[in-house]
Amino acid sequence: MLSRLKSFFDELTGSAPKSGFDPDDYRVAAAALLVHMANADGHVAPQEQRRLRKIISERFELEPAEARQLMRRAEESEREAIDLYQFTSVLKRTLDEPGRLAVVELLWDVAYADGHADELEENTVWRVAELLGVSTRDRMLLKRKAEREGAEPISGNPWEDEGSGI
């Protein structure tokens, strides 16, 4: 409680420490791809929104305030992006093969958060996987895993005080 209050006053006075979410931070690139995936079919279902927030918080081991900041940075990057290459090039430079596979797995996770992946979502995963150098075989194995696991229920609502938007 006290840390939240201190953060609030730091933000008001402009003395809050700056976070390290630079444009070439792999976390921004991965989160921007996840935001893109959530928006791929033109509608962000509440399940996709919650899944995206949970992934951002848990996979990057961030406190809620940090996760919100990363999400804002990712949304901004995704809006400004011309194509997916600017994100995948950062990830390909930064991550090893298991890391790139994990990104594809997370994309499938978001795609199936509402219970199914439509063809636009599948196409997005295919394009990202190709750009990341993930094989068709691995991409399809990860898809089948996401299909089997389906939309895992989320206990509690990540960032429950958040309003609309991702």
C-alpha atoms as a PDB file:
ATOM      1  CA  MET A   1       0.000   0.000   0.000  1.00  0.00           C
ATOM      2  CA  LEU A   2       2.728   2.434   0.939  1.00  0.00           C
ATOM      3  CA  SER A   3       4.721   1.566  -2.175  1.00  0.00           C
ATOM      4  CA  ARG A   4       1.680   2.300  -4.357  1.00  0.00           C
ATOM      5  CA  LEU A   5       1.188   5.639  -2.626  1.00  0.00           C
ATOM      6  CA  LYS A   6       4.870   6.493  -3.033  1.00  0.00           C
ATOM      7  CA  SER A   7       4.727   5.526  -6.730  1.00  0.00           C
ATOM      8  CA  PHE A   8       1.661   7.687  -7.203  1.00  0.00           C
ATOM      9  CA  PHE A   9       3.374  10.737  -5.670  1.00  0.00           C
ATOM     10  CA  ASP A  10       6.575  10.047  -7.590  1.00  0.00           C
ATOM     11  CA  GLU A  11       4.592  10.035 -10.830  1.00  0.00           C
ATOM     12  CA  LEU A  12       2.840  13.289  -9.898  1.00  0.00           C
ATOM     13  CA  THR A  13       6.087  15.068  -9.114  1.00  0.00           C
ATOM     14  CA  GLY A  14       7.970  13.584 -12.043  1.00  0.00           C
ATOM     15  CA  SER A  15      10.553  11.952  -9.812  1.00  0.00           C
ATOM     16  CA  ALA A  16       9.554   8.401 -10.643  1.00  0.00           C
ATOM     17  CA  PRO A  17      12.449   6.306 -11.888  1.00  0.00           C
ATOM     18  CA  LYS A  18      12.312   5.539 -15.586  1.00  0.00           C
ATOM     19  CA  SER A  19      11.770   1.914 -16.500  1.00  0.00           C
ATOM     20  CA  GLY A  20      13.941   0.070 -18.970  1.00  0.00           C
ATOM     21  CA  PHE A  21      11.482  -0.680 -21.747  1.00  0.00           C
ATOM     22  CA  ASP A  22      13.473   0.597 -24.692  1.00  0.00           C
ATOM     23  CA  PRO A  23      12.180   0.026 -28.232  1.00  0.00           C
ATOM     24  CA  ASP A  24      14.774  -2.719 -28.781  1.00  0.00           C
ATOM     25  CA  ASP A  25      13.903  -4.516 -25.528  1.00  0.00           C
ATOM     26  CA  TYR A  26      12.864  -8.064 -26.423  1.00  0.00           C
ATOM     27  CA  ARG A  27       9.995  -7.794 -23.928  1.00  0.00           C
ATOM     28  CA  VAL A  28       8.500  -4.880 -25.882  1.00  0.00           C
ATOM     29  CA  ALA A  29       8.870  -6.800 -29.137  1.00  0.00           C
ATOM     30  CA  ALA A  30       7.256  -9.949 -27.727  1.00  0.00           C
ATOM     31  CA  ALA A  31       4.451  -8.015 -26.031  1.00  0.00           C
ATOM     32  CA  ALA A  32       3.788  -6.019 -29.220  1.00  0.00           C
ATOM     33  CA  LEU A  33       3.392  -9.276 -31.158  1.00  0.00           C
ATOM     34  CA  LEU A  34       0.978 -10.531 -28.503  1.00  0.00           C
ATOM     35  CA  VAL A  35      -1.006  -7.278 -28.737  1.00  0.00           C
ATOM     36  CA  HIS A  36      -1.045  -7.678 -32.513  1.00  0.00           C
ATOM     37  CA  MET A  37      -2.332 -11.223 -32.104  1.00  0.00           C
ATOM     38  CA  ALA A  38      -5.096 -10.150 -29.750  1.00  0.00           C
ATOM     39  CA  ASN A  39      -6.192  -7.597 -32.363  1.00  0.00           C
ATOM     40  CA  ALA A  40      -5.685  -9.877 -35.395  1.00  0.00           C
ATOM     41  CA  ASP A  41      -9.334 -10.788 -35.855  1.00  0.00           C
ATOM     42  CA  GLY A  42     -10.546  -7.220 -35.328  1.00  0.00           C
ATOM     43  CA  HIS A  43     -12.088  -7.958 -31.937  1.00  0.00           C
ATOM     44  CA  VAL A  44     -10.366  -8.331 -28.588  1.00  0.00           C
ATOM     45  CA  ALA A  45     -12.478 -10.712 -26.533  1.00  0.00           C
ATOM     46  CA  PRO A  46     -12.389 -10.252 -22.762  1.00  0.00           C
ATOM     47  CA  GLN A  47     -10.700 -13.659 -22.470  1.00  0.00           C
ATOM     48  CA  GLU A  48      -7.935 -12.512 -24.827  1.00  0.00           C
ATOM     49  CA  GLN A  49      -7.521  -9.322 -22.836  1.00  0.00           C
ATOM     50  CA  ARG A  50      -7.159 -11.193 -19.544  1.00  0.00           C
ATOM     51  CA  ARG A  51      -4.886 -13.843 -21.087  1.00  0.00           C
ATOM     52  CA  LEU A  52      -2.634 -11.144 -22.549  1.00  0.00           C
ATOM     53  CA  ARG A  53      -2.345  -9.372 -19.199  1.00  0.00           C
ATOM     54  CA  LYS A  54      -1.601 -12.643 -17.415  1.00  0.00           C
ATOM     55  CA  ILE A  55       1.108 -13.576 -19.924  1.00  0.00           C
ATOM     56  CA  ILE A  56       2.752 -10.148 -19.706  1.00  0.00           C
ATOM     57  CA  SER A  57       2.772 -10.244 -15.899  1.00  0.00           C
ATOM     58  CA  GLU A  58       3.835 -13.854 -15.411  1.00  0.00           C
ATOM     59  CA  ARG A  59       6.198 -14.547 -18.313  1.00  0.00           C
ATOM     60  CA  PHE A  60       8.197 -11.379 -17.751  1.00  0.00           C
ATOM     61  CA  GLU A  61       7.869 -11.610 -13.947  1.00  0.00           C
ATOM     62  CA  LEU A  62       6.613  -8.046 -13.603  1.00  0.00           C
ATOM     63  CA  GLU A  63       4.721  -6.287 -10.873  1.00  0.00           C
ATOM     64  CA  PRO A  64       1.332  -4.918 -12.034  1.00  0.00           C
ATOM     65  CA  ALA A  65       2.648  -1.353 -12.486  1.00  0.00           C
ATOM     66  CA  GLU A  66       5.598  -2.584 -14.559  1.00  0.00           C
ATOM     67  CA  ALA A  67       3.320  -4.865 -16.582  1.00  0.00           C
ATOM     68  CA  ARG A  68       0.997  -1.943 -17.337  1.00  0.00           C
ATOM     69  CA  GLN A  69       3.964   0.127 -18.454  1.00  0.00           C
ATOM     70  CA  LEU A  70       5.197  -2.666 -20.722  1.00  0.00           C
ATOM     71  CA  MET A  71       1.693  -3.089 -22.125  1.00  0.00           C
ATOM     72  CA  ARG A  72       1.436   0.635 -22.910  1.00  0.00           C
ATOM     73  CA  ARG A  73       4.859   0.576 -24.584  1.00  0.00           C
ATOM     74  CA  ALA A  74       3.917  -2.546 -26.567  1.00  0.00           C
ATOM     75  CA  GLU A  75       0.593  -1.045 -27.701  1.00  0.00           C
ATOM     76  CA  GLU A  76       2.377   2.118 -28.799  1.00  0.00           C
ATOM     77  CA  SER A  77       5.018   0.123 -30.699  1.00  0.00           C
ATOM     78  CA  GLU A  78       2.381  -2.058 -32.348  1.00  0.00           C
ATOM     79  CA  ARG A  79       0.359   0.992 -33.466  1.00  0.00           C
ATOM     80  CA  GLU A  80       3.454   2.595 -34.987  1.00  0.00           C
ATOM     81  CA  ALA A  81       4.714  -0.580 -36.656  1.00  0.00           C
ATOM     82  CA  ILE A  82       4.711  -0.909 -40.408  1.00  0.00           C
ATOM     83  CA  ASP A  83       5.174  -4.669 -40.298  1.00  0.00           C
ATOM     84  CA  LEU A  84       6.003  -7.518 -37.957  1.00  0.00           C
ATOM     85  CA  TYR A  85       9.666  -7.641 -38.980  1.00  0.00           C
ATOM     86  CA  GLN A  86      10.663  -4.855 -36.598  1.00  0.00           C
ATOM     87  CA  PHE A  87       9.576  -7.076 -33.695  1.00  0.00           C
ATOM     88  CA  THR A  88      10.733 -10.428 -35.010  1.00  0.00           C
ATOM     89  CA  SER A  89      14.181  -9.061 -35.886  1.00  0.00           C
ATOM     90  CA  VAL A  90      14.688  -7.978 -32.268  1.00  0.00           C
ATOM     91  CA  LEU A  91      13.514 -11.380 -31.027  1.00  0.00           C
ATOM     92  CA  LYS A  92      15.637 -13.300 -33.511  1.00  0.00           C
ATOM     93  CA  ARG A  93      18.716 -11.322 -32.472  1.00  0.00           C
ATOM     94  CA  THR A  94      17.994 -11.647 -28.761  1.00  0.00           C
ATOM     95  CA  LEU A  95      16.444 -15.070 -28.181  1.00  0.00           C
ATOM     96  CA  ASP A  96      17.775 -18.552 -28.697  1.00  0.00           C
ATOM     97  CA  GLU A  97      15.657 -21.246 -30.346  1.00  0.00           C
ATOM     98  CA  PRO A  98      13.752 -22.235 -27.180  1.00  0.00           C
ATOM     99  CA  GLY A  99      12.972 -18.550 -26.600  1.00  0.00           C
ATOM    100  CA  ARG A 100      11.628 -18.121 -30.131  1.00  0.00           C
ATOM    101  CA  LEU A 101       9.543 -21.289 -29.726  1.00  0.00           C
ATOM    102  CA  ALA A 102       8.158 -19.834 -26.491  1.00  0.00           C
ATOM    103  CA  VAL A 103       7.056 -16.701 -28.354  1.00  0.00           C
ATOM    104  CA  VAL A 104       5.172 -18.810 -30.910  1.00  0.00           C
ATOM    105  CA  GLU A 105       3.619 -20.796 -28.069  1.00  0.00           C
ATOM    106  CA  LEU A 106       2.445 -17.559 -26.429  1.00  0.00           C
ATOM    107  CA  LEU A 107       0.942 -16.380 -29.712  1.00  0.00           C
ATOM    108  CA  TRP A 108      -1.069 -19.607 -29.928  1.00  0.00           C
ATOM    109  CA  ASP A 109      -2.062 -19.139 -26.285  1.00  0.00           C
ATOM    110  CA  VAL A 110      -3.538 -15.707 -27.048  1.00  0.00           C
ATOM    111  CA  ALA A 111      -5.129 -16.972 -30.271  1.00  0.00           C
ATOM    112  CA  TYR A 112      -6.935 -19.762 -28.407  1.00  0.00           C
ATOM    113  CA  ALA A 113      -7.846 -17.637 -25.365  1.00  0.00           C
ATOM    114  CA  ASP A 114     -11.387 -17.233 -26.694  1.00  0.00           C
ATOM    115  CA  GLY A 115     -11.696 -20.955 -27.456  1.00  0.00           C
ATOM    116  CA  HIS A 116     -10.690 -20.966 -31.125  1.00  0.00           C
ATOM    117  CA  ALA A 117      -8.176 -19.500 -33.568  1.00  0.00           C
ATOM    118  CA  ASP A 118      -9.589 -18.004 -36.736  1.00  0.00           C
ATOM    119  CA  GLU A 119      -7.725 -17.916 -40.042  1.00  0.00           C
ATOM    120  CA  LEU A 120      -6.354 -14.393 -39.485  1.00  0.00           C
ATOM    121  CA  GLU A 121      -4.852 -15.481 -36.173  1.00  0.00           C
ATOM    122  CA  GLU A 122      -3.431 -18.638 -37.740  1.00  0.00           C
ATOM    123  CA  ASN A 123      -1.940 -16.579 -40.558  1.00  0.00           C
ATOM    124  CA  THR A 124      -0.352 -14.201 -38.063  1.00  0.00           C
ATOM    125  CA  VAL A 125       1.293 -17.069 -36.175  1.00  0.00           C
ATOM    126  CA  TRP A 126       2.509 -18.558 -39.459  1.00  0.00           C
ATOM    127  CA  ARG A 127       4.088 -15.232 -40.547  1.00  0.00           C
ATOM    128  CA  VAL A 128       5.743 -14.618 -37.176  1.00  0.00           C
ATOM    129  CA  ALA A 129       7.027 -18.192 -36.966  1.00  0.00           C
ATOM    130  CA  GLU A 130       8.548 -17.899 -40.445  1.00  0.00           C
ATOM    131  CA  LEU A 131      10.241 -14.623 -39.521  1.00  0.00           C
ATOM    132  CA  LEU A 132      11.566 -16.163 -36.292  1.00  0.00           C
ATOM    133  CA  GLY A 133      12.931 -19.215 -38.078  1.00  0.00           C
ATOM    134  CA  VAL A 134      10.543 -21.598 -36.307  1.00  0.00           C
ATOM    135  CA  SER A 135       9.881 -24.682 -38.404  1.00  0.00           C
ATOM    136  CA  THR A 136       6.443 -25.602 -39.704  1.00  0.00           C
ATOM    137  CA  ARG A 137       6.627 -28.807 -37.689  1.00  0.00           C
ATOM    138  CA  ASP A 138       7.311 -26.960 -34.420  1.00  0.00           C
ATOM    139  CA  ARG A 139       4.640 -24.358 -35.181  1.00  0.00           C
ATOM    140  CA  MET A 140       2.033 -27.073 -35.764  1.00  0.00           C
ATOM    141  CA  LEU A 141       3.083 -29.023 -32.638  1.00  0.00           C
ATOM    142  CA  LEU A 142       2.646 -25.852 -30.594  1.00  0.00           C
ATOM    143  CA  LYS A 143      -0.727 -25.249 -32.236  1.00  0.00           C
ATOM    144  CA  ARG A 144      -1.931 -28.741 -31.327  1.00  0.00           C
ATOM    145  CA  LYS A 145      -0.751 -28.202 -27.761  1.00  0.00           C
ATOM    146  CA  ALA A 146      -2.725 -24.939 -27.571  1.00  0.00           C
ATOM    147  CA  GLU A 147      -5.797 -26.647 -29.038  1.00  0.00           C
ATOM    148  CA  ARG A 148      -5.583 -29.456 -26.460  1.00  0.00           C
ATOM    149  CA  GLU A 149      -5.066 -27.127 -23.544  1.00  0.00           C
ATOM    150  CA  GLY A 150      -7.700 -24.705 -24.795  1.00  0.00           C
ATOM    151  CA  ALA A 151      -8.461 -21.560 -22.909  1.00  0.00           C
ATOM    152  CA  GLU A 152      -7.057 -22.172 -19.454  1.00  0.00           C
ATOM    153  CA  PRO A 153      -9.264 -20.448 -16.878  1.00  0.00           C
ATOM    154  CA  ILE A 154      -7.702 -17.405 -15.291  1.00  0.00           C
ATOM    155  CA  SER A 155      -8.141 -17.226 -11.550  1.00  0.00           C
ATOM    156  CA  GLY A 156      -8.658 -13.646 -10.564  1.00  0.00           C
ATOM    157  CA  ASN A 157      -8.516 -10.869 -13.078  1.00  0.00           C
ATOM    158  CA  PRO A 158      -5.025  -9.606 -13.882  1.00  0.00           C
ATOM    159  CA  TRP A 159      -5.025  -5.872 -13.370  1.00  0.00           C
ATOM    160  CA  GLU A 160      -8.609  -6.009 -12.167  1.00  0.00           C
ATOM    161  CA  ASP A 161      -8.705  -2.247 -11.785  1.00  0.00           C
ATOM    162  CA  GLU A 162      -8.135  -1.792 -15.530  1.00  0.00           C
ATOM    163  CA  GLY A 163     -10.904  -0.419 -17.691  1.00  0.00           C
ATOM    164  CA  SER A 164     -11.471  -1.046 -21.362  1.00  0.00           C
ATOM    165  CA  GLY A 165      -8.738  -1.649 -23.860  1.00  0.00           C
ATOM    166  CA  ILE A 166      -5.976  -4.215 -23.737  1.00  0.00           C
END
